[in-house]
Amino acid sequence: AVVSTQSTGEGTEPERAEQLNALRTQCIPSTTFLLVNVLSDSGQDRAVVELCDYIASEQHQLYKLFSEQELRQLLDKVYESSIRCECDPLQFNENQEEENVV
């Protein structure tokens, strides 16, 4: 989270927090899609999958900043990238291999 240490006398802390949240909601999804497009166009599909994993993590909870439609678009992008890089974003195959070893 972004924390301002300066007090300008403009607005209250709740207003500032609301402004920061609105800024995050507007900028993070659009910046994510720009980055996904750049990574995908440059053949860095594994990085797209890793970025989407970061967005989806419960630790960072960035997925909460995306609308339902944006999340669907992002899932489409990660699906395309995972096919191109032949990786499994859900690690389904890795989980099956672990079960077979046990």
Protein backbone atom coordinates (compact mmCIF):
# COMPACT_ATOMS: atom_id res chain seq x y z
CA ALA A 1 0.00 0.00 0.00
CA VAL A 2 1.12 3.51 -0.74
CA VAL A 3 1.46 5.64 2.37
CA SER A 4 1.93 9.38 2.29
CA THR A 5 4.09 10.83 5.04
CA GLN A 6 3.41 14.43 4.10
CA SER A 7 0.42 16.37 5.30
CA THR A 8 -0.77 19.04 2.89
CA GLY A 9 -3.81 20.02 4.88
CA GLU A 10 -6.02 18.94 1.96
CA GLY A 11 -8.75 16.50 2.97
CA THR A 12 -8.80 13.90 5.68
CA GLU A 13 -7.10 10.53 5.96
CA PRO A 14 -10.25 8.60 4.89
CA GLU A 15 -10.56 10.85 1.83
CA ARG A 16 -6.90 10.26 0.99
CA ALA A 17 -7.29 6.50 1.38
CA GLU A 18 -10.34 6.61 -0.91
CA GLN A 19 -8.39 8.60 -3.50
CA LEU A 20 -5.50 6.12 -3.38
CA ASN A 21 -7.88 3.19 -3.75
CA ALA A 22 -9.56 4.82 -6.74
CA LEU A 23 -6.16 5.43 -8.31
CA ARG A 24 -5.10 1.81 -7.74
CA THR A 25 -8.39 0.53 -9.18
CA GLN A 26 -7.90 2.63 -12.29
CA CYS A 27 -4.17 2.21 -12.86
CA ILE A 28 -3.27 -1.33 -11.84
CA PRO A 29 -5.61 -3.14 -14.25
CA SER A 30 -4.73 -0.92 -17.21
CA THR A 31 -1.00 -1.14 -16.45
CA THR A 32 -1.30 -4.91 -16.06
CA PHE A 33 -2.90 -5.25 -19.50
CA LEU A 34 -0.20 -3.06 -21.06
CA LEU A 35 2.49 -5.21 -19.46
CA VAL A 36 0.76 -8.45 -20.50
CA ASN A 37 0.61 -7.22 -24.10
CA VAL A 38 4.31 -6.23 -24.10
CA LEU A 39 5.37 -9.53 -22.54
CA SER A 40 3.19 -11.56 -24.88
CA ASP A 41 4.33 -9.69 -28.00
CA SER A 42 7.96 -10.21 -27.02
CA GLY A 43 7.48 -13.95 -26.51
CA GLN A 44 7.77 -13.87 -22.72
CA ASP A 45 4.70 -15.97 -22.10
CA ARG A 46 6.03 -17.56 -18.92
CA ALA A 47 6.36 -14.04 -17.47
CA VAL A 48 2.68 -13.43 -18.32
CA VAL A 49 1.73 -16.53 -16.34
CA GLU A 50 3.93 -15.43 -13.42
CA LEU A 51 2.43 -11.92 -13.46
CA CYS A 52 -1.08 -13.33 -13.39
CA ASP A 53 -0.09 -15.62 -10.53
CA TYR A 54 1.07 -12.52 -8.64
CA ILE A 55 -2.22 -10.73 -9.39
CA ALA A 56 -4.19 -13.77 -8.17
CA SER A 57 -2.20 -14.27 -4.96
CA GLU A 58 -4.06 -13.97 -1.69
CA GLN A 59 -1.04 -12.24 -0.21
CA HIS A 60 -1.31 -9.22 -2.53
CA GLN A 61 -5.03 -9.46 -3.43
CA LEU A 62 -4.56 -7.33 -6.54
CA TYR A 63 -7.35 -9.27 -8.26
CA LYS A 64 -9.79 -7.27 -6.13
CA LEU A 65 -8.89 -4.17 -8.17
CA PHE A 66 -10.17 -5.75 -11.41
CA SER A 67 -13.75 -5.83 -12.61
CA GLU A 68 -15.27 -9.20 -13.45
CA GLN A 69 -14.89 -8.45 -17.16
CA GLU A 70 -11.23 -7.49 -16.71
CA LEU A 71 -10.56 -10.71 -14.80
CA ARG A 72 -12.12 -12.71 -17.62
CA GLN A 73 -9.91 -10.90 -20.15
CA LEU A 74 -6.86 -11.53 -18.00
CA LEU A 75 -7.73 -15.24 -17.73
CA ASP A 76 -8.01 -15.40 -21.52
CA LYS A 77 -4.55 -13.83 -21.85
CA VAL A 78 -2.94 -16.20 -19.33
CA TYR A 79 -4.63 -19.15 -21.03
CA GLU A 80 -3.17 -18.14 -24.41
CA SER A 81 0.26 -17.60 -22.89
CA SER A 82 0.21 -20.88 -20.99
CA ILE A 83 -0.52 -22.75 -24.20
CA ARG A 84 2.31 -20.98 -26.04
CA CYS A 85 4.87 -21.62 -23.30
CA GLU A 86 3.51 -25.10 -22.61
CA CYS A 87 3.25 -24.44 -18.89
CA ASP A 88 0.46 -25.28 -16.52
CA PRO A 89 -0.62 -22.17 -14.57
CA LEU A 90 -2.72 -24.27 -12.19
CA GLN A 91 0.14 -26.75 -11.76
CA PHE A 92 -2.33 -29.56 -12.37
CA ASN A 93 0.25 -31.85 -13.98
CA GLU A 94 2.75 -31.22 -11.18
CA ASN A 95 0.12 -32.13 -8.56
CA GLN A 96 -0.67 -35.36 -10.43
CA GLU A 97 3.02 -36.27 -10.62
CA GLU A 98 3.39 -35.72 -6.86
CA GLU A 99 0.41 -37.99 -6.20
CA ASN A 100 1.90 -40.72 -8.41
CA VAL A 101 5.22 -40.53 -6.54
CA VAL A 102 3.60 -40.97 -3.12
